[in-house]
Structures are given as C-alpha cells and as structure tokens.
PDB file of N, CA and C in Angstrom:
ATOM      1  N   MET A   1      29.524  16.519  20.540  1.00  0.00           N
ATOM      2  CA  MET A   1      29.196  17.743  19.810  1.00  0.00           C
ATOM      3  C   MET A   1      28.543  17.371  18.483  1.00  0.00           C
ATOM      4  N   ILE A   2      27.475  18.018  18.169  1.00  0.00           N
ATOM      5  CA  ILE A   2      26.779  17.767  16.910  1.00  0.00           C
ATOM      6  C   ILE A   2      27.422  18.616  15.825  1.00  0.00           C
ATOM      7  N   ASP A   3      27.902  17.948  14.782  1.00  0.00           N
ATOM      8  CA  ASP A   3      28.454  18.669  13.639  1.00  0.00           C
ATOM      9  C   ASP A   3      28.081  17.943  12.354  1.00  0.00           C
ATOM     10  N   SER A   4      28.480  18.489  11.239  1.00  0.00           N
ATOM     11  CA  SER A   4      28.047  17.971   9.940  1.00  0.00           C
ATOM     12  C   SER A   4      28.623  16.605   9.606  1.00  0.00           C
ATOM     13  N   ASP A   5      29.690  16.201  10.284  1.00  0.00           N
ATOM     14  CA  ASP A   5      30.317  14.908  10.001  1.00  0.00           C
ATOM     15  C   ASP A   5      29.757  13.760  10.829  1.00  0.00           C
ATOM     16  N   ARG A   6      28.867  14.057  11.754  1.00  0.00           N
ATOM     17  CA  ARG A   6      28.271  13.001  12.587  1.00  0.00           C
ATOM     18  C   ARG A   6      27.245  12.224  11.791  1.00  0.00           C
ATOM     19  N   LEU A   7      27.155  10.931  12.053  1.00  0.00           N
ATOM     20  CA  LEU A   7      26.130  10.114  11.410  1.00  0.00           C
ATOM     21  C   LEU A   7      24.761  10.464  11.988  1.00  0.00           C
ATOM     22  N   VAL A   8      23.775  10.460  11.127  1.00  0.00           N
ATOM     23  CA  VAL A   8      22.410  10.810  11.525  1.00  0.00           C
ATOM     24  C   VAL A   8      21.937   9.933  12.683  1.00  0.00           C
ATOM     25  N   VAL A   9      22.139   8.620  12.584  1.00  0.00           N
ATOM     26  CA  VAL A   9      21.655   7.736  13.648  1.00  0.00           C
ATOM     27  C   VAL A   9      22.363   7.994  14.971  1.00  0.00           C
ATOM     28  N   GLU A  10      23.630   8.365  14.933  1.00  0.00           N
ATOM     29  CA  GLU A  10      24.350   8.680  16.168  1.00  0.00           C
ATOM     30  C   GLU A  10      23.749   9.905  16.841  1.00  0.00           C
ATOM     31  N   VAL A  11      23.451  10.920  16.049  1.00  0.00           N
ATOM     32  CA  VAL A  11      22.877  12.149  16.605  1.00  0.00           C
ATOM     33  C   VAL A  11      21.542  11.838  17.279  1.00  0.00           C
ATOM     34  N   MET A  12      20.673  11.105  16.589  1.00  0.00           N
ATOM     35  CA  MET A  12      19.345  10.817  17.147  1.00  0.00           C
ATOM     36  C   MET A  12      19.430   9.873  18.342  1.00  0.00           C
ATOM     37  N   ARG A  13      20.333   8.903  18.290  1.00  0.00           N
ATOM     38  CA  ARG A  13      20.461   7.943  19.386  1.00  0.00           C
ATOM     39  C   ARG A  13      21.021   8.617  20.638  1.00  0.00           C
ATOM     40  N   GLU A  14      22.046   9.443  20.466  1.00  0.00           N
ATOM     41  CA  GLU A  14      22.694  10.070  21.613  1.00  0.00           C
ATOM     42  C   GLU A  14      21.910  11.256  22.171  1.00  0.00           C
ATOM     43  N   THR A  15      21.115  11.891  21.319  1.00  0.00           N
ATOM     44  CA  THR A  15      20.340  13.060  21.749  1.00  0.00           C
ATOM     45  C   THR A  15      18.925  12.942  21.192  1.00  0.00           C
ATOM     46  N   PRO A  16      18.051  12.172  21.848  1.00  0.00           N
ATOM     47  CA  PRO A  16      16.706  11.936  21.325  1.00  0.00           C
ATOM     48  C   PRO A  16      15.898  13.201  21.040  1.00  0.00           C
ATOM     49  N   ALA A  17      16.191  14.296  21.719  1.00  0.00           N
ATOM     50  CA  ALA A  17      15.451  15.542  21.468  1.00  0.00           C
ATOM     51  C   ALA A  17      15.644  16.036  20.039  1.00  0.00           C
ATOM     52  N   THR A  18      16.701  15.591  19.370  1.00  0.00           N
ATOM     53  CA  THR A  18      16.952  16.034  17.996  1.00  0.00           C
ATOM     54  C   THR A  18      16.018  15.375  16.988  1.00  0.00           C
ATOM     55  N   VAL A  19      15.381  14.289  17.368  1.00  0.00           N
ATOM     56  CA  VAL A  19      14.450  13.615  16.449  1.00  0.00           C
ATOM     57  C   VAL A  19      13.379  14.596  15.984  1.00  0.00           C
ATOM     58  N   ARG A  20      12.876  15.412  16.896  1.00  0.00           N
ATOM     59  CA  ARG A  20      11.837  16.388  16.556  1.00  0.00           C
ATOM     60  C   ARG A  20      12.342  17.367  15.498  1.00  0.00           C
ATOM     61  N   VAL A  21      13.612  17.738  15.534  1.00  0.00           N
ATOM     62  CA  VAL A  21      14.171  18.666  14.544  1.00  0.00           C
ATOM     63  C   VAL A  21      14.140  18.022  13.158  1.00  0.00           C
ATOM     64  N   PHE A  22      14.530  16.759  13.073  1.00  0.00           N
ATOM     65  CA  PHE A  22      14.479  16.055  11.786  1.00  0.00           C
ATOM     66  C   PHE A  22      13.040  16.022  11.265  1.00  0.00           C
ATOM     67  N   LEU A  23      12.104  15.702  12.137  1.00  0.00           N
ATOM     68  CA  LEU A  23      10.699  15.621  11.722  1.00  0.00           C
ATOM     69  C   LEU A  23      10.146  16.990  11.334  1.00  0.00           C
ATOM     70  N   ASP A  24      10.496  18.021  12.090  1.00  0.00           N
ATOM     71  CA  ASP A  24      10.011  19.369  11.782  1.00  0.00           C
ATOM     72  C   ASP A  24      10.511  19.874  10.435  1.00  0.00           C
ATOM     73  N   HIS A  25      11.658  19.381  10.006  1.00  0.00           N
ATOM     74  CA  HIS A  25      12.218  19.766   8.706  1.00  0.00           C
ATOM     75  C   HIS A  25      11.771  18.811   7.592  1.00  0.00           C
ATOM     76  N   ARG A  26      10.814  17.946   7.913  1.00  0.00           N
ATOM     77  CA  ARG A  26      10.261  16.991   6.953  1.00  0.00           C
ATOM     78  C   ARG A  26      11.338  16.074   6.367  1.00  0.00           C
ATOM     79  N   MET A  27      12.316  15.771   7.194  1.00  0.00           N
ATOM     80  CA  MET A  27      13.369  14.848   6.787  1.00  0.00           C
ATOM     81  C   MET A  27      12.933  13.448   7.189  1.00  0.00           C
ATOM     82  N   ARG A  28      13.095  12.527   6.314  1.00  0.00           N
ATOM     83  CA  ARG A  28      12.647  11.152   6.562  1.00  0.00           C
ATOM     84  C   ARG A  28      13.766  10.289   7.140  1.00  0.00           C
ATOM     85  N   CYS A  29      14.616  10.905   7.917  1.00  0.00           N
ATOM     86  CA  CYS A  29      15.780  10.208   8.467  1.00  0.00           C
ATOM     87  C   CYS A  29      15.412   9.257   9.602  1.00  0.00           C
ATOM     88  N   VAL A  30      14.335   9.542  10.304  1.00  0.00           N
ATOM     89  CA  VAL A  30      13.928   8.708  11.423  1.00  0.00           C
ATOM     90  C   VAL A  30      13.489   7.353  10.875  1.00  0.00           C
ATOM     91  N   GLY A  31      14.229   6.315  11.228  1.00  0.00           N
ATOM     92  CA  GLY A  31      13.918   4.974  10.758  1.00  0.00           C
ATOM     93  C   GLY A  31      14.422   4.650   9.364  1.00  0.00           C
ATOM     94  N   CYS A  32      15.125   5.557   8.737  1.00  0.00           N
ATOM     95  CA  CYS A  32      15.629   5.335   7.379  1.00  0.00           C
ATOM     96  C   CYS A  32      16.748   4.292   7.397  1.00  0.00           C
ATOM     97  N   PRO A  33      16.716   3.335   6.479  1.00  0.00           N
ATOM     98  CA  PRO A  33      17.777   2.326   6.458  1.00  0.00           C
ATOM     99  C   PRO A  33      19.141   2.890   6.048  1.00  0.00           C
ATOM    100  N   ILE A  34      19.176   4.090   5.490  1.00  0.00           N
ATOM    101  CA  ILE A  34      20.442   4.714   5.093  1.00  0.00           C
ATOM    102  C   ILE A  34      21.032   5.524   6.251  1.00  0.00           C
ATOM    103  N   GLY A  35      20.254   5.768   7.296  1.00  0.00           N
ATOM    104  CA  GLY A  35      20.701   6.570   8.432  1.00  0.00           C
ATOM    105  C   GLY A  35      22.047   6.174   9.013  1.00  0.00           C
ATOM    106  N   PRO A  36      22.338   4.877   9.109  1.00  0.00           N
ATOM    107  CA  PRO A  36      23.646   4.499   9.653  1.00  0.00           C
ATOM    108  C   PRO A  36      24.825   4.896   8.766  1.00  0.00           C
ATOM    109  N   PHE A  37      24.551   5.297   7.542  1.00  0.00           N
ATOM    110  CA  PHE A  37      25.620   5.621   6.597  1.00  0.00           C
ATOM    111  C   PHE A  37      25.675   7.101   6.230  1.00  0.00           C
ATOM    112  N   HIS A  38      24.582   7.834   6.467  1.00  0.00           N
ATOM    113  CA  HIS A  38      24.526   9.255   6.096  1.00  0.00           C
ATOM    114  C   HIS A  38      24.999  10.131   7.243  1.00  0.00           C
ATOM    115  N   THR A  39      25.804  11.106   6.898  1.00  0.00           N
ATOM    116  CA  THR A  39      26.156  12.132   7.881  1.00  0.00           C
ATOM    117  C   THR A  39      25.056  13.192   7.874  1.00  0.00           C
ATOM    118  N   VAL A  40      25.106  14.078   8.840  1.00  0.00           N
ATOM    119  CA  VAL A  40      24.152  15.185   8.874  1.00  0.00           C
ATOM    120  C   VAL A  40      24.284  16.015   7.597  1.00  0.00           C
ATOM    121  N   ALA A  41      25.511  16.232   7.139  1.00  0.00           N
ATOM    122  CA  ALA A  41      25.729  16.991   5.897  1.00  0.00           C
ATOM    123  C   ALA A  41      25.094  16.285   4.705  1.00  0.00           C
ATOM    124  N   ASP A  42      25.233  14.951   4.634  1.00  0.00           N
ATOM    125  CA  ASP A  42      24.609  14.183   3.549  1.00  0.00           C
ATOM    126  C   ASP A  42      23.094  14.371   3.566  1.00  0.00           C
ATOM    127  N   ALA A  43      22.498  14.247   4.749  1.00  0.00           N
ATOM    128  CA  ALA A  43      21.046  14.364   4.873  1.00  0.00           C
ATOM    129  C   ALA A  43      20.573  15.760   4.475  1.00  0.00           C
ATOM    130  N   CYS A  44      21.297  16.779   4.890  1.00  0.00           N
ATOM    131  CA  CYS A  44      20.929  18.152   4.514  1.00  0.00           C
ATOM    132  C   CYS A  44      21.000  18.330   3.002  1.00  0.00           C
ATOM    133  N   ARG A  45      22.040  17.808   2.403  1.00  0.00           N
ATOM    134  CA  ARG A  45      22.190  17.919   0.951  1.00  0.00           C
ATOM    135  C   ARG A  45      21.045  17.189   0.237  1.00  0.00           C
ATOM    136  N   GLU A  46      20.708  15.995   0.690  1.00  0.00           N
ATOM    137  CA  GLU A  46      19.635  15.208   0.068  1.00  0.00           C
ATOM    138  C   GLU A  46      18.277  15.897   0.175  1.00  0.00           C
ATOM    139  N   HIS A  47      18.073  16.637   1.257  1.00  0.00           N
ATOM    140  CA  HIS A  47      16.776  17.275   1.499  1.00  0.00           C
ATOM    141  C   HIS A  47      16.765  18.761   1.156  1.00  0.00           C
ATOM    142  N   GLY A  48      17.876  19.281   0.674  1.00  0.00           N
ATOM    143  CA  GLY A  48      17.933  20.690   0.286  1.00  0.00           C
ATOM    144  C   GLY A  48      17.825  21.655   1.454  1.00  0.00           C
ATOM    145  N   ILE A  49      18.425  21.297   2.572  1.00  0.00           N
ATOM    146  CA  ILE A  49      18.346  22.104   3.788  1.00  0.00           C
ATOM    147  C   ILE A  49      19.715  22.713   4.077  1.00  0.00           C
ATOM    148  N   ASP A  50      19.720  23.978   4.497  1.00  0.00           N
ATOM    149  CA  ASP A  50      20.963  24.663   4.843  1.00  0.00           C
ATOM    150  C   ASP A  50      21.585  23.969   6.059  1.00  0.00           C
ATOM    151  N   PRO A  51      22.761  23.370   5.914  1.00  0.00           N
ATOM    152  CA  PRO A  51      23.346  22.627   7.026  1.00  0.00           C
ATOM    153  C   PRO A  51      23.708  23.494   8.231  1.00  0.00           C
ATOM    154  N   VAL A  52      24.088  24.733   8.009  1.00  0.00           N
ATOM    155  CA  VAL A  52      24.448  25.609   9.133  1.00  0.00           C
ATOM    156  C   VAL A  52      23.228  25.863  10.014  1.00  0.00           C
ATOM    157  N   LEU A  53      22.102  26.191   9.391  1.00  0.00           N
ATOM    158  CA  LEU A  53      20.876  26.440  10.158  1.00  0.00           C
ATOM    159  C   LEU A  53      20.358  25.162  10.804  1.00  0.00           C
ATOM    160  N   PHE A  54      20.455  24.053  10.077  1.00  0.00           N
ATOM    161  CA  PHE A  54      19.958  22.783  10.604  1.00  0.00           C
ATOM    162  C   PHE A  54      20.781  22.340  11.811  1.00  0.00           C
ATOM    163  N   ILE A  55      22.093  22.440  11.717  1.00  0.00           N
ATOM    164  CA  ILE A  55      22.944  22.046  12.839  1.00  0.00           C
ATOM    165  C   ILE A  55      22.692  22.959  14.038  1.00  0.00           C
ATOM    166  N   ALA A  56      22.446  24.229  13.795  1.00  0.00           N
ATOM    167  CA  ALA A  56      22.104  25.139  14.893  1.00  0.00           C
ATOM    168  C   ALA A  56      20.817  24.688  15.578  1.00  0.00           C
ATOM    169  N   ALA A  57      19.835  24.242  14.795  1.00  0.00           N
ATOM    170  CA  ALA A  57      18.575  23.753  15.368  1.00  0.00           C
ATOM    171  C   ALA A  57      18.803  22.463  16.157  1.00  0.00           C
ATOM    172  N   LEU A  58      19.652  21.573  15.641  1.00  0.00           N
ATOM    173  CA  LEU A  58      19.971  20.339  16.369  1.00  0.00           C
ATOM    174  C   LEU A  58      20.641  20.661  17.704  1.00  0.00           C
ATOM    175  N   ARG A  59      21.588  21.574  17.681  1.00  0.00           N
ATOM    176  CA  ARG A  59      22.297  21.946  18.913  1.00  0.00           C
ATOM    177  C   ARG A  59      21.361  22.606  19.918  1.00  0.00           C
ATOM    178  N   ALA A  60      20.449  23.427  19.432  1.00  0.00           N
ATOM    179  CA  ALA A  60      19.482  24.070  20.328  1.00  0.00           C
ATOM    180  C   ALA A  60      18.581  23.027  20.979  1.00  0.00           C
ATOM    181  N   ALA A  61      18.142  22.047  20.200  1.00  0.00           N
ATOM    182  CA  ALA A  61      17.296  20.987  20.752  1.00  0.00           C
ATOM    183  C   ALA A  61      18.064  20.170  21.783  1.00  0.00           C
ATOM    184  N   ALA A  62      19.323  19.904  21.498  1.00  0.00           N
ATOM    185  CA  ALA A  62      20.143  19.126  22.426  1.00  0.00           C
ATOM    186  C   ALA A  62      20.387  19.883  23.732  1.00  0.00           C
ATOM    187  N   ALA A  63      20.474  21.201  23.656  1.00  0.00           N
ATOM    188  CA  ALA A  63      20.754  22.019  24.839  1.00  0.00           C
ATOM    189  C   ALA A  63      19.506  22.347  25.652  1.00  0.00           C
ATOM    190  N   ALA A  64      18.339  22.209  25.046  1.00  0.00           N
ATOM    191  CA  ALA A  64      17.089  22.566  25.728  1.00  0.00           C
ATOM    192  C   ALA A  64      16.792  21.556  26.830  1.00  0.00           C
ATOM    193  N   PRO A  65      16.184  22.028  27.914  1.00  0.00           N
ATOM    194  CA  PRO A  65      15.802  21.087  28.967  1.00  0.00           C
ATOM    195  C   PRO A  65      14.732  20.129  28.460  1.00  0.00           C
ATOM    196  N   ALA A  66      14.765  18.921  28.978  1.00  0.00           N
ATOM    197  CA  ALA A  66      13.778  17.911  28.576  1.00  0.00           C
ATOM    198  C   ALA A  66      12.385  18.387  28.948  1.00  0.00           C
ATOM    199  N   ARG A  67      11.429  18.064  28.116  1.00  0.00           N
ATOM    200  CA  ARG A  67      10.046  18.501  28.357  1.00  0.00           C
ATOM    201  C   ARG A  67       9.251  17.501  29.176  1.00  0.00           C
ATOM    202  N   GLY A  68       9.846  16.383  29.498  1.00  0.00           N
ATOM    203  CA  GLY A  68       9.157  15.407  30.317  1.00  0.00           C
ATOM    204  C   GLY A  68       8.250  14.475  29.544  1.00  0.00           C
ATOM    205  N   VAL A  69       8.235  14.583  28.241  1.00  0.00           N
ATOM    206  CA  VAL A  69       7.419  13.689  27.427  1.00  0.00           C
ATOM    207  C   VAL A  69       8.372  12.772  26.678  1.00  0.00           C
ATOM    208  N   PRO A  70       8.434  11.513  27.069  1.00  0.00           N
ATOM    209  CA  PRO A  70       9.368  10.614  26.400  1.00  0.00           C
ATOM    210  C   PRO A  70       8.955  10.352  24.960  1.00  0.00           C
ATOM    211  N   LEU A  71       9.948  10.128  24.106  1.00  0.00           N
ATOM    212  CA  LEU A  71       9.659   9.768  22.718  1.00  0.00           C
ATOM    213  C   LEU A  71       9.292   8.297  22.691  1.00  0.00           C
ATOM    214  N   ARG A  72       8.102   8.022  22.255  1.00  0.00           N
ATOM    215  CA  ARG A  72       7.628   6.647  22.151  1.00  0.00           C
ATOM    216  C   ARG A  72       6.919   6.487  20.836  1.00  0.00           C
ATOM    217  N   GLY A  73       6.482   5.291  20.596  1.00  0.00           N
ATOM    218  CA  GLY A  73       5.729   5.015  19.382  1.00  0.00           C
ATOM    219  C   GLY A  73       4.381   5.702  19.419  1.00  0.00           C
ATOM    220  N   PRO A  74       3.550   5.429  18.433  1.00  0.00           N
ATOM    221  CA  PRO A  74       2.233   6.061  18.389  1.00  0.00           C
ATOM    222  C   PRO A  74       1.409   5.704  19.616  1.00  0.00           C
ATOM    223  N   ARG A  75       0.603   6.632  20.027  1.00  0.00           N
ATOM    224  CA  ARG A  75      -0.266   6.386  21.176  1.00  0.00           C
ATOM    225  C   ARG A  75      -1.440   5.518  20.744  1.00  0.00           C
ATOM    226  N   PRO A  76      -1.858   4.610  21.611  1.00  0.00           N
ATOM    227  CA  PRO A  76      -3.011   3.785  21.249  1.00  0.00           C
ATOM    228  C   PRO A  76      -4.273   4.635  21.159  1.00  0.00           C
ATOM    229  N   ARG A  77      -5.154   4.227  20.290  1.00  0.00           N
ATOM    230  CA  ARG A  77      -6.433   4.935  20.165  1.00  0.00           C
ATOM    231  C   ARG A  77      -7.279   4.683  21.398  1.00  0.00           C
ATOM    232  N   PRO A  78      -8.039   5.691  21.832  1.00  0.00           N
ATOM    233  CA  PRO A  78      -8.939   5.453  22.961  1.00  0.00           C
ATOM    234  C   PRO A  78     -10.020   4.458  22.546  1.00  0.00           C
ATOM    235  N   ARG A  79     -10.449   3.684  23.493  1.00  0.00           N
ATOM    236  CA  ARG A  79     -11.498   2.701  23.198  1.00  0.00           C
ATOM    237  C   ARG A  79     -12.814   3.402  22.924  1.00  0.00           C
ATOM    238  N   GLN A  80     -13.488   2.924  21.916  1.00  0.00           N
ATOM    239  CA  GLN A  80     -14.805   3.458  21.575  1.00  0.00           C
ATOM    240  C   GLN A  80     -15.853   2.678  22.361  1.00  0.00           C
ATOM    241  N   PRO A  81     -16.907   3.356  22.809  1.00  0.00           N
ATOM    242  CA  PRO A  81     -17.968   2.620  23.508  1.00  0.00           C
ATOM    243  C   PRO A  81     -18.592   1.599  22.563  1.00  0.00           C
ATOM    244  N   ALA A  82     -18.965   0.477  23.123  1.00  0.00           N
ATOM    245  CA  ALA A  82     -19.583  -0.578  22.315  1.00  0.00           C
ATOM    246  C   ALA A  82     -20.907  -0.084  21.750  1.00  0.00           C
ATOM    247  N   ALA A  83     -21.174  -0.445  20.512  1.00  0.00           N
ATOM    248  CA  ALA A  83     -22.436  -0.049  19.868  1.00  0.00           C
ATOM    249  C   ALA A  83     -23.580  -0.817  20.510  1.00  0.00           C
ATOM    250  N   ASP A  84     -24.701  -0.130  20.675  1.00  0.00           N
ATOM    251  CA  ASP A  84     -25.887  -0.761  21.255  1.00  0.00           C
ATOM    252  C   ASP A  84     -26.501  -1.683  20.215  1.00  0.00           C
ATOM    253  N   ALA A  85     -26.645  -2.950  20.553  1.00  0.00           N
ATOM    254  CA  ALA A  85     -27.160  -3.949  19.605  1.00  0.00           C
ATOM    255  C   ALA A  85     -28.682  -3.974  19.558  1.00  0.00           C
ATOM    256  N   SER A  86     -29.396  -3.101  20.283  1.00  0.00           N
ATOM    257  CA  SER A  86     -30.859  -3.150  20.290  1.00  0.00           C
ATOM    258  C   SER A  86     -31.449  -2.672  19.010  1.00  0.00           C
TER     259      SER A  86
END
C-alpha cells in the first residue's frame, strides 16, 4: 500500500507506473541520491505538494492497467542520412 511513510525509492521500485506521477509533479525524486532516505511525505514537503492529493495520484497510477510501454532510458536518436560529399 502506498502511504506517506513509504520511502520514495520503494514506491518507484515496487510500482514503476508511479515514476510518471513524480515526473508530472516536477519532483526530482527519480534518480535522486536522497531517495533511499526520503519518505513520500518528506518529498511532498520539500516540493510544496499536498501529500493527500499526491498519494491519491500515486495510488491511481498503481491501480491503472499497464499501458504496454516499458519504462526505459532515453530513446536513441534516429540515424540521419549521410551528407552528400559532392
């Protein structure tokens, strides 16, 4: 269950769909070195976000069906055609 006492990294690790919620709220928790020590309540306080609404958004993301798009790193850029040397 996602609640205010859970560590940020635990929430994101156990429920990857919640990563999007952190990003949508402009929270820099993804990859933050403090993540293993901050609870969701700590992160909300640091970012000035209402914890009740934020936790509701996390729970909604966790309950939503997967969209079929795995969370991965940045997508590689498409290859550009080689410039004509003539």
